[in-house]
PDB file of N, CA and C in Angstrom:
ATOM      1  N   MET A   1      58.513  44.022  29.602  1.00  0.00           N
ATOM      2  CA  MET A   1      57.925  43.182  30.452  1.00  0.00           C
ATOM      3  C   MET A   1      58.463  43.138  32.169  1.00  0.00           C
ATOM      4  N   ALA A   2      57.299  43.232  32.889  1.00  0.00           N
ATOM      5  CA  ALA A   2      57.834  43.504  34.117  1.00  0.00           C
ATOM      6  C   ALA A   2      57.831  42.104  35.267  1.00  0.00           C
ATOM      7  N   LEU A   3      59.070  42.054  36.246  1.00  0.00           N
ATOM      8  CA  LEU A   3      58.983  41.055  36.846  1.00  0.00           C
ATOM      9  C   LEU A   3      58.397  40.907  38.161  1.00  0.00           C
ATOM     10  N   THR A   4      57.581  40.005  38.609  1.00  0.00           N
ATOM     11  CA  THR A   4      56.788  40.010  39.974  1.00  0.00           C
ATOM     12  C   THR A   4      57.142  39.231  40.954  1.00  0.00           C
ATOM     13  N   LEU A   5      57.800  39.352  42.055  1.00  0.00           N
ATOM     14  CA  LEU A   5      58.102  38.590  43.121  1.00  0.00           C
ATOM     15  C   LEU A   5      57.153  38.577  44.184  1.00  0.00           C
ATOM     16  N   THR A   6      56.453  37.430  44.884  1.00  0.00           N
ATOM     17  CA  THR A   6      55.712  37.413  46.035  1.00  0.00           C
ATOM     18  C   THR A   6      56.590  37.249  47.094  1.00  0.00           C
ATOM     19  N   LEU A   7      56.555  38.118  48.156  1.00  0.00           N
ATOM     20  CA  LEU A   7      57.365  38.229  49.452  1.00  0.00           C
ATOM     21  C   LEU A   7      56.552  38.175  50.278  1.00  0.00           C
ATOM     22  N   LYS A   8      57.076  37.948  51.857  1.00  0.00           N
ATOM     23  CA  LYS A   8      56.434  38.217  52.552  1.00  0.00           C
ATOM     24  C   LYS A   8      57.139  39.653  53.693  1.00  0.00           C
ATOM     25  N   THR A   9      56.834  39.950  54.696  1.00  0.00           N
ATOM     26  CA  THR A   9      57.213  41.044  55.216  1.00  0.00           C
ATOM     27  C   THR A   9      58.915  40.294  56.106  1.00  0.00           C
ATOM     28  N   GLY A  10      59.647  41.434  55.713  1.00  0.00           N
ATOM     29  CA  GLY A  10      61.041  40.694  56.105  1.00  0.00           C
ATOM     30  C   GLY A  10      61.680  40.109  55.292  1.00  0.00           C
ATOM     31  N   ASP A  11      60.959  39.653  53.815  1.00  0.00           N
ATOM     32  CA  ASP A  11      61.652  39.101  52.833  1.00  0.00           C
ATOM     33  C   ASP A  11      62.547  40.346  51.920  1.00  0.00           C
ATOM     34  N   ASP A  12      63.656  40.232  51.385  1.00  0.00           N
ATOM     35  CA  ASP A  12      64.298  41.231  50.872  1.00  0.00           C
ATOM     36  C   ASP A  12      64.982  40.759  49.151  1.00  0.00           C
ATOM     37  N   PHE A  13      65.176  41.472  48.371  1.00  0.00           N
ATOM     38  CA  PHE A  13      65.678  41.554  46.863  1.00  0.00           C
ATOM     39  C   PHE A  13      66.668  42.392  46.618  1.00  0.00           C
ATOM     40  N   TYR A  14      67.461  41.973  45.770  1.00  0.00           N
ATOM     41  CA  TYR A  14      68.406  42.924  45.124  1.00  0.00           C
ATOM     42  C   TYR A  14      68.318  43.734  43.838  1.00  0.00           C
ATOM     43  N   ALA A  15      67.975  45.025  43.639  1.00  0.00           N
ATOM     44  CA  ALA A  15      68.327  45.406  42.181  1.00  0.00           C
ATOM     45  C   ALA A  15      69.776  45.894  42.000  1.00  0.00           C
ATOM     46  N   ASP A  16      70.585  45.166  41.144  1.00  0.00           N
ATOM     47  CA  ASP A  16      71.839  45.379  41.361  1.00  0.00           C
ATOM     48  C   ASP A  16      72.530  45.318  42.361  1.00  0.00           C
ATOM     49  N   ASP A  17      73.144  46.220  43.245  1.00  0.00           N
ATOM     50  CA  ASP A  17      73.631  46.165  44.365  1.00  0.00           C
ATOM     51  C   ASP A  17      72.996  46.410  45.640  1.00  0.00           C
ATOM     52  N   HIS A  18      71.782  46.957  45.253  1.00  0.00           N
ATOM     53  CA  HIS A  18      70.974  47.994  46.400  1.00  0.00           C
ATOM     54  C   HIS A  18      69.938  46.715  46.710  1.00  0.00           C
ATOM     55  N   ARG A  19      69.686  46.853  48.309  1.00  0.00           N
ATOM     56  CA  ARG A  19      69.013  45.643  49.021  1.00  0.00           C
ATOM     57  C   ARG A  19      67.545  46.349  49.245  1.00  0.00           C
ATOM     58  N   LEU A  20      66.472  45.660  49.229  1.00  0.00           N
ATOM     59  CA  LEU A  20      65.125  46.329  49.086  1.00  0.00           C
ATOM     60  C   LEU A  20      64.451  45.251  49.982  1.00  0.00           C
ATOM     61  N   VAL A  21      63.720  45.818  51.234  1.00  0.00           N
ATOM     62  CA  VAL A  21      62.996  44.646  52.228  1.00  0.00           C
ATOM     63  C   VAL A  21      61.701  45.269  52.008  1.00  0.00           C
ATOM     64  N   VAL A  22      60.800  44.023  52.047  1.00  0.00           N
ATOM     65  CA  VAL A  22      59.478  44.343  52.619  1.00  0.00           C
ATOM     66  C   VAL A  22      59.385  44.917  54.163  1.00  0.00           C
ATOM     67  N   GLN A  23      58.946  45.989  54.608  1.00  0.00           N
ATOM     68  CA  GLN A  23      58.831  46.235  55.569  1.00  0.00           C
ATOM     69  C   GLN A  23      57.650  45.941  56.540  1.00  0.00           C
ATOM     70  N   GLU A  24      56.365  46.241  55.778  1.00  0.00           N
ATOM     71  CA  GLU A  24      55.176  46.156  56.456  1.00  0.00           C
ATOM     72  C   GLU A  24      54.196  45.927  54.897  1.00  0.00           C
ATOM     73  N   ILE A  25      53.105  45.156  55.312  1.00  0.00           N
ATOM     74  CA  ILE A  25      52.044  44.758  54.213  1.00  0.00           C
ATOM     75  C   ILE A  25      50.689  45.453  54.873  1.00  0.00           C
ATOM     76  N   LEU A  26      50.543  46.227  53.874  1.00  0.00           N
ATOM     77  CA  LEU A  26      48.805  47.148  54.588  1.00  0.00           C
ATOM     78  C   LEU A  26      47.848  46.601  53.926  1.00  0.00           C
ATOM     79  N   SER A  27      47.741  46.219  52.953  1.00  0.00           N
ATOM     80  CA  SER A  27      46.723  45.655  52.359  1.00  0.00           C
ATOM     81  C   SER A  27      47.513  44.876  51.100  1.00  0.00           C
ATOM     82  N   ASP A  28      46.287  44.103  50.421  1.00  0.00           N
ATOM     83  CA  ASP A  28      46.748  43.158  49.108  1.00  0.00           C
ATOM     84  C   ASP A  28      47.306  44.359  48.131  1.00  0.00           C
ATOM     85  N   THR A  29      47.074  45.343  48.054  1.00  0.00           N
ATOM     86  CA  THR A  29      47.650  46.057  46.982  1.00  0.00           C
ATOM     87  C   THR A  29      48.423  47.707  47.415  1.00  0.00           C
ATOM     88  N   HIS A  30      48.942  47.238  48.863  1.00  0.00           N
ATOM     89  CA  HIS A  30      49.373  48.427  49.325  1.00  0.00           C
ATOM     90  C   HIS A  30      50.595  47.942  50.631  1.00  0.00           C
ATOM     91  N   PHE A  31      51.988  48.225  50.606  1.00  0.00           N
ATOM     92  CA  PHE A  31      53.155  47.971  51.257  1.00  0.00           C
ATOM     93  C   PHE A  31      54.085  48.630  51.460  1.00  0.00           C
ATOM     94  N   ARG A  32      54.810  48.515  52.322  1.00  0.00           N
ATOM     95  CA  ARG A  32      56.270  49.474  52.414  1.00  0.00           C
ATOM     96  C   ARG A  32      57.390  48.535  52.194  1.00  0.00           C
ATOM     97  N   ILE A  33      58.392  49.238  51.339  1.00  0.00           N
ATOM     98  CA  ILE A  33      59.596  48.592  51.030  1.00  0.00           C
ATOM     99  C   ILE A  33      60.847  49.764  51.154  1.00  0.00           C
ATOM    100  N   SER A  34      61.514  49.040  52.081  1.00  0.00           N
ATOM    101  CA  SER A  34      62.775  50.076  52.514  1.00  0.00           C
ATOM    102  C   SER A  34      64.119  49.769  51.692  1.00  0.00           C
ATOM    103  N   GLY A  35      64.982  50.664  51.613  1.00  0.00           N
ATOM    104  CA  GLY A  35      66.381  50.415  51.091  1.00  0.00           C
ATOM    105  C   GLY A  35      67.136  51.596  51.718  1.00  0.00           C
ATOM    106  N   GLY A  36      68.258  51.319  52.083  1.00  0.00           N
ATOM    107  CA  GLY A  36      69.239  52.240  52.724  1.00  0.00           C
ATOM    108  C   GLY A  36      68.481  52.598  53.868  1.00  0.00           C
ATOM    109  N   ASP A  37      68.576  54.347  54.038  1.00  0.00           N
ATOM    110  CA  ASP A  37      67.784  54.803  55.212  1.00  0.00           C
ATOM    111  C   ASP A  37      66.325  55.350  54.447  1.00  0.00           C
ATOM    112  N   ARG A  38      65.775  54.700  53.279  1.00  0.00           N
ATOM    113  CA  ARG A  38      64.578  55.536  53.026  1.00  0.00           C
ATOM    114  C   ARG A  38      63.573  54.084  52.816  1.00  0.00           C
ATOM    115  N   ILE A  39      62.073  54.534  52.952  1.00  0.00           N
ATOM    116  CA  ILE A  39      60.902  53.839  53.121  1.00  0.00           C
ATOM    117  C   ILE A  39      59.975  54.276  51.980  1.00  0.00           C
ATOM    118  N   TRP A  40      59.691  53.492  51.397  1.00  0.00           N
ATOM    119  CA  TRP A  40      58.612  53.899  49.927  1.00  0.00           C
ATOM    120  C   TRP A  40      57.263  53.201  50.375  1.00  0.00           C
ATOM    121  N   ASP A  41      56.086  53.939  50.140  1.00  0.00           N
ATOM    122  CA  ASP A  41      54.512  53.250  50.336  1.00  0.00           C
ATOM    123  C   ASP A  41      54.486  52.984  48.951  1.00  0.00           C
ATOM    124  N   ILE A  42      54.437  51.214  48.417  1.00  0.00           N
ATOM    125  CA  ILE A  42      54.359  50.771  46.915  1.00  0.00           C
ATOM    126  C   ILE A  42      52.647  50.678  47.087  1.00  0.00           C
ATOM    127  N   VAL A  43      51.910  50.941  46.118  1.00  0.00           N
ATOM    128  CA  VAL A  43      50.722  50.824  45.884  1.00  0.00           C
ATOM    129  C   VAL A  43      50.453  50.315  44.349  1.00  0.00           C
ATOM    130  N   ASP A  44      49.184  49.929  44.162  1.00  0.00           N
ATOM    131  CA  ASP A  44      48.901  49.367  42.787  1.00  0.00           C
ATOM    132  C   ASP A  44      48.570  50.317  41.418  1.00  0.00           C
ATOM    133  N   ASP A  45      48.177  51.874  41.865  1.00  0.00           N
ATOM    134  CA  ASP A  45      47.698  52.450  40.773  1.00  0.00           C
ATOM    135  C   ASP A  45      48.840  53.231  40.038  1.00  0.00           C
ATOM    136  N   ARG A  46      50.093  53.067  40.862  1.00  0.00           N
ATOM    137  CA  ARG A  46      51.326  54.126  40.162  1.00  0.00           C
ATOM    138  C   ARG A  46      52.662  53.502  40.488  1.00  0.00           C
ATOM    139  N   ALA A  47      53.529  53.609  39.675  1.00  0.00           N
ATOM    140  CA  ALA A  47      54.775  53.412  39.999  1.00  0.00           C
ATOM    141  C   ALA A  47      55.627  53.974  40.459  1.00  0.00           C
ATOM    142  N   THR A  48      56.643  53.639  41.383  1.00  0.00           N
ATOM    143  CA  THR A  48      57.325  54.325  42.111  1.00  0.00           C
ATOM    144  C   THR A  48      58.849  54.067  41.970  1.00  0.00           C
ATOM    145  N   GLU A  49      59.591  55.196  41.663  1.00  0.00           N
ATOM    146  CA  GLU A  49      61.270  55.138  41.508  1.00  0.00           C
ATOM    147  C   GLU A  49      61.678  54.953  42.731  1.00  0.00           C
ATOM    148  N   VAL A  50      62.383  53.750  43.130  1.00  0.00           N
ATOM    149  CA  VAL A  50      63.512  53.336  44.164  1.00  0.00           C
ATOM    150  C   VAL A  50      64.712  53.603  43.797  1.00  0.00           C
ATOM    151  N   ILE A  51      65.067  53.000  42.839  1.00  0.00           N
ATOM    152  CA  ILE A  51      66.585  53.250  42.381  1.00  0.00           C
ATOM    153  C   ILE A  51      66.423  54.066  40.892  1.00  0.00           C
ATOM    154  N   GLU A  52      67.472  54.555  40.519  1.00  0.00           N
ATOM    155  CA  GLU A  52      67.221  55.181  39.157  1.00  0.00           C
ATOM    156  C   GLU A  52      67.036  54.013  38.228  1.00  0.00           C
ATOM    157  N   ASP A  53      66.106  54.416  37.416  1.00  0.00           N
ATOM    158  CA  ASP A  53      65.278  53.571  36.441  1.00  0.00           C
ATOM    159  C   ASP A  53      64.664  52.216  36.803  1.00  0.00           C
ATOM    160  N   VAL A  54      64.699  51.877  38.302  1.00  0.00           N
ATOM    161  CA  VAL A  54      63.831  50.966  38.435  1.00  0.00           C
ATOM    162  C   VAL A  54      62.565  51.450  39.692  1.00  0.00           C
ATOM    163  N   PHE A  55      61.561  50.877  38.844  1.00  0.00           N
ATOM    164  CA  PHE A  55      60.181  51.203  39.641  1.00  0.00           C
ATOM    165  C   PHE A  55      59.506  50.204  39.928  1.00  0.00           C
ATOM    166  N   LEU A  56      58.608  50.136  41.320  1.00  0.00           N
ATOM    167  CA  LEU A  56      57.913  49.650  41.868  1.00  0.00           C
ATOM    168  C   LEU A  56      56.387  49.820  41.853  1.00  0.00           C
ATOM    169  N   SER A  57      55.616  48.573  41.539  1.00  0.00           N
ATOM    170  CA  SER A  57      54.031  48.948  42.073  1.00  0.00           C
ATOM    171  C   SER A  57      53.808  47.813  42.689  1.00  0.00           C
ATOM    172  N   ALA A  58      52.676  47.454  42.958  1.00  0.00           N
ATOM    173  CA  ALA A  58      51.613  46.321  43.886  1.00  0.00           C
ATOM    174  C   ALA A  58      50.938  46.103  42.933  1.00  0.00           C
ATOM    175  N   GLY A  59      50.914  44.653  42.715  1.00  0.00           N
ATOM    176  CA  GLY A  59      50.398  43.741  41.904  1.00  0.00           C
ATOM    177  C   GLY A  59      49.029  42.973  42.355  1.00  0.00           C
ATOM    178  N   ALA A  60      48.005  42.823  42.178  1.00  0.00           N
ATOM    179  CA  ALA A  60      46.887  41.702  42.857  1.00  0.00           C
ATOM    180  C   ALA A  60      47.557  40.846  43.176  1.00  0.00           C
ATOM    181  N   ASN A  61      47.020  40.576  44.806  1.00  0.00           N
ATOM    182  CA  ASN A  61      47.510  39.426  45.470  1.00  0.00           C
ATOM    183  C   ASN A  61      46.807  38.530  45.996  1.00  0.00           C
ATOM    184  N   PRO A  62      46.318  37.408  45.665  1.00  0.00           N
ATOM    185  CA  PRO A  62      45.465  36.411  46.306  1.00  0.00           C
ATOM    186  C   PRO A  62      46.113  35.691  47.498  1.00  0.00           C
ATOM    187  N   GLN A  63      46.985  35.836  47.694  1.00  0.00           N
ATOM    188  CA  GLN A  63      47.677  35.275  49.098  1.00  0.00           C
ATOM    189  C   GLN A  63      47.725  36.020  50.337  1.00  0.00           C
ATOM    190  N   ILE A  64      46.899  35.939  51.044  1.00  0.00           N
ATOM    191  CA  ILE A  64      46.853  36.830  52.465  1.00  0.00           C
ATOM    192  C   ILE A  64      48.331  36.635  53.310  1.00  0.00           C
ATOM    193  N   GLY A  65      48.811  37.710  53.443  1.00  0.00           N
ATOM    194  CA  GLY A  65      50.010  38.141  54.131  1.00  0.00           C
ATOM    195  C   GLY A  65      51.459  38.091  53.409  1.00  0.00           C
ATOM    196  N   THR A  66      51.040  38.236  51.847  1.00  0.00           N
ATOM    197  CA  THR A  66      52.382  38.727  51.352  1.00  0.00           C
ATOM    198  C   THR A  66      52.156  39.611  50.418  1.00  0.00           C
ATOM    199  N   ALA A  67      53.417  40.003  49.915  1.00  0.00           N
ATOM    200  CA  ALA A  67      53.188  41.341  48.718  1.00  0.00           C
ATOM    201  C   ALA A  67      53.668  40.863  47.384  1.00  0.00           C
ATOM    202  N   ARG A  68      52.885  41.476  46.326  1.00  0.00           N
ATOM    203  CA  ARG A  68      53.109  41.021  45.185  1.00  0.00           C
ATOM    204  C   ARG A  68      53.810  42.150  44.462  1.00  0.00           C
ATOM    205  N   VAL A  69      55.226  42.237  44.565  1.00  0.00           N
ATOM    206  CA  VAL A  69      56.109  43.514  44.151  1.00  0.00           C
ATOM    207  C   VAL A  69      56.004  43.212  42.589  1.00  0.00           C
ATOM    208  N   VAL A  70      55.931  44.307  42.094  1.00  0.00           N
ATOM    209  CA  VAL A  70      56.175  44.100  40.566  1.00  0.00           C
ATOM    210  C   VAL A  70      57.287  44.945  40.493  1.00  0.00           C
ATOM    211  N   ILE A  71      58.410  44.875  39.476  1.00  0.00           N
ATOM    212  CA  ILE A  71      59.457  45.411  39.564  1.00  0.00           C
ATOM    213  C   ILE A  71      59.716  45.848  37.750  1.00  0.00           C
ATOM    214  N   GLU A  72      59.938  47.125  37.431  1.00  0.00           N
ATOM    215  CA  GLU A  72      60.199  47.205  36.103  1.00  0.00           C
ATOM    216  C   GLU A  72      61.195  48.108  36.174  1.00  0.00           C
ATOM    217  N   ALA A  73      62.215  47.745  35.131  1.00  0.00           N
ATOM    218  CA  ALA A  73      63.643  47.979  35.319  1.00  0.00           C
ATOM    219  C   ALA A  73      64.316  47.568  33.664  1.00  0.00           C
ATOM    220  N   PRO A  74      65.609  48.259  33.583  1.00  0.00           N
ATOM    221  CA  PRO A  74      66.193  47.624  32.236  1.00  0.00           C
ATOM    222  C   PRO A  74      66.624  46.757  32.532  1.00  0.00           C
ATOM    223  N   ARG A  75      67.051  45.685  31.283  1.00  0.00           N
ATOM    224  CA  ARG A  75      67.079  44.429  31.353  1.00  0.00           C
ATOM    225  C   ARG A  75      68.637  44.363  31.798  1.00  0.00           C
ATOM    226  N   ALA A  76      69.283  45.180  31.905  1.00  0.00           N
ATOM    227  CA  ALA A  76      71.048  45.282  32.393  1.00  0.00           C
ATOM    228  C   ALA A  76      70.656  45.402  33.864  1.00  0.00           C
ATOM    229  N   VAL A  77      69.445  45.724  34.734  1.00  0.00           N
ATOM    230  CA  VAL A  77      69.783  45.540  35.835  1.00  0.00           C
ATOM    231  C   VAL A  77      69.230  44.400  36.709  1.00  0.00           C
ATOM    232  N   LEU A  78      70.352  43.654  37.302  1.00  0.00           N
ATOM    233  CA  LEU A  78      70.287  42.305  38.058  1.00  0.00           C
ATOM    234  C   LEU A  78      69.350  42.361  38.987  1.00  0.00           C
ATOM    235  N   ILE A  79      68.436  41.460  39.074  1.00  0.00           N
ATOM    236  CA  ILE A  79      67.585  41.577  40.191  1.00  0.00           C
ATOM    237  C   ILE A  79      67.580  40.010  40.774  1.00  0.00           C
ATOM    238  N   LEU A  80      67.841  39.998  41.794  1.00  0.00           N
ATOM    239  CA  LEU A  80      67.859  38.923  42.464  1.00  0.00           C
ATOM    240  C   LEU A  80      67.208  38.761  43.768  1.00  0.00           C
ATOM    241  N   ARG A  81      66.279  37.341  44.416  1.00  0.00           N
ATOM    242  CA  ARG A  81      65.837  37.432  45.644  1.00  0.00           C
ATOM    243  C   ARG A  81      67.109  37.565  46.793  1.00  0.00           C
ATOM    244  N   GLY A  82      66.663  37.764  47.730  1.00  0.00           N
ATOM    245  CA  GLY A  82      67.998  37.921  48.848  1.00  0.00           C
ATOM    246  C   GLY A  82      68.688  36.709  49.156  1.00  0.00           C
ATOM    247  N   GLU A  83      68.005  35.402  49.159  1.00  0.00           N
ATOM    248  CA  GLU A  83      69.051  34.334  49.631  1.00  0.00           C
ATOM    249  C   GLU A  83      69.874  34.117  48.311  1.00  0.00           C
ATOM    250  N   ASN A  84      69.516  34.352  47.016  1.00  0.00           N
ATOM    251  CA  ASN A  84      70.073  33.875  45.890  1.00  0.00           C
ATOM    252  C   ASN A  84      71.719  35.020  45.619  1.00  0.00           C
ATOM    253  N   TYR A  85      71.431  36.312  46.484  1.00  0.00           N
ATOM    254  CA  TYR A  85      72.302  37.229  46.538  1.00  0.00           C
ATOM    255  C   TYR A  85      73.425  36.815  47.339  1.00  0.00           C
ATOM    256  N   ARG A  86      73.162  36.628  48.758  1.00  0.00           N
ATOM    257  CA  ARG A  86      73.770  36.092  49.628  1.00  0.00           C
ATOM    258  C   ARG A  86      74.693  34.875  49.457  1.00  0.00           C
ATOM    259  N   ARG A  87      73.897  33.801  48.638  1.00  0.00           N
ATOM    260  CA  ARG A  87      74.620  32.540  48.330  1.00  0.00           C
ATOM    261  C   ARG A  87      75.985  32.996  47.223  1.00  0.00           C
ATOM    262  N   GLY A  88      75.989  33.993  46.358  1.00  0.00           N
ATOM    263  CA  GLY A  88      76.734  34.312  45.504  1.00  0.00           C
ATOM    264  C   GLY A  88      76.531  34.126  44.328  1.00  0.00           C
ATOM    265  N   LYS A  89      75.405  33.859  43.638  1.00  0.00           N
ATOM    266  CA  LYS A  89      74.844  33.541  42.727  1.00  0.00           C
ATOM    267  C   LYS A  89      74.539  34.835  41.400  1.00  0.00           C
ATOM    268  N   ARG A  90      75.366  35.798  41.653  1.00  0.00           N
ATOM    269  CA  ARG A  90      75.739  36.913  40.984  1.00  0.00           C
ATOM    270  C   ARG A  90      76.087  36.077  39.594  1.00  0.00           C
TER     271      ARG A  90
END
């Protein structure tokens, strides 16, 4: 089962210790994510591997100005929203 986060431009989340940031929302089902020095286009019709065994795709999103980030990863990968990671809730 996938985990879905609804995020705005500039919001971030962590997959283990890898920070991923929503850079730009292009449409309801197309946005850009950055991590380190890489940028990926995320869309709804395919999953993109951004970290080993961590795949992202875009979910249908009724809220204007947000991205619905669908995350598929092994259960061993800790996924946290940026504010939780920075508060030390690891």
